[in-house]
Amino acid sequence: MLDGHAFNQALSNAGIDFYSGVPCSLLGAAMQDAAQQQTYVGAASEGEALAIAAGAWLAGCTPAVFLQNSGLGNLVNPLTSLNNPFGIPCLLVIGWRGMPGKLDEPQHEVMGAITSALLDLMGIAHHVLPENLPEATSVIQTSVQQMHETRMPVALLVRSGTFKNAVDSHDIKVRSFNELSSCNQIPQTGKLPTRFEVLQTFVDNTPDNAAVVATTGKCGRELYTIKDSSQHLYMVGAMGSASAVGLGIALKKESPVIVLDGDGAALMRLGTFATIGREAPSNLVHIMLDNAAHDSTGGQPTGSEHMNFCSIAAACGYLTYTRPIAINDFKTALSVSLSTKGPHFIHVPIETGSKADLARPNILPRDVATRLASFLKNIP
């Protein structure tokens, strides 16, 4: 059996220096050790964990994500539409519940039987983790080397009994609500701005050292139309993951990191708000452009008109949260957020619709990721 600390040390020796994930009992000892070493970022879902790790890779880290194979389905979208097209490697450490030939709970039977085949279908190389340290170390080194050579995720499948049992130990620190700042809810007056107007103001007032992660759909396309830059990451897929990618970058960099989100995307992975609030990166500015519609697919309603996103940000632990209506109010909110400690949330109501004949980025996602990683390498 493997000791959790020894396993993590083998990961570290192979170059792994950032961890995220969702708990699995088969990985408890390793995850507990990583958390105690303060190198682990717990996520609300497996897809969020992978997106956080992707941001950390862009910021220069070599990441690993812990998960149970029951959550592998939650990784299909980011694996195929984030890591694959952008060429972002990650070591997936997967607890193999329901492994054929192993008695397990009935809910793990189907996923246990198809885990290897599902990874094969997605083109994810995978290895079974040996139960003794020397062989495990060799497999880890081979897997990390594969990651670097292919710029693709590689998975380690962990069978039941591979790790020694974890000893229950946790220290939960609860922040009281009176530590949160008051919400600056600017009343709505007159016609709402368009997304293009907000993004034009954003580009005109964004510092040269800020990394920008734009959510999928019309947001990234309009940003690209206004200005293409090595500062920008256009999320052509992995809807809902922009804020998690931004978080991963912000945790490893001191310069500003700005997420341009949408209401539909934010609702898809609302749990990331809680993760951002808990990790509290002071350099993160989370901007949500809200038109209450899925603009890229025909304007279907998202339901965001019933949501108070500032209250959600407050409850999750964002340090400030503002709802500007007019362009000048947005400009002020952005300026304040870039000059004060965060994380900050700016909720911007906008009109539906987008600019006609909108261009699509003509640079490949992998090249977008490469140039952003180079940009981040040259700033603190």
Foldseek 3Di string as FASTA:
>chain_A
DDALVLLVVLLVVLFAQAEEEEDDQQNVRVQVVCVVVVRYFYFPAGCLRVLLVQLLVLLPGAEEYEEELVRVVVNPFCQQQPQVQQLAEYEYEYEQALAPPDDHDPVNVPSNVCVVVVCVVSVAAEEEQDLDSVSNSVVSNVQSVVCVVRSHYHYYYYYHPSYDGHDDDDDDDDDDLVQADDAAEDDADDAFAALLLLLLLVVVQDDPLEAEEEFAAPRLLSNVVNDDDLSYAHRNTPQLNQLSSQNSNLVSALAAYEYEHEPLSCVVRVRVLLSCQVVQRFRYEYEYEYAQAPQRPPGHGRPCVVDDVQVSNSVSHWRYEYEDGDSVSSSVQVVVSNVGTTHYYYYYYHHHDDDPPGDDDPDGSNVSSVSSSVSSVPHD
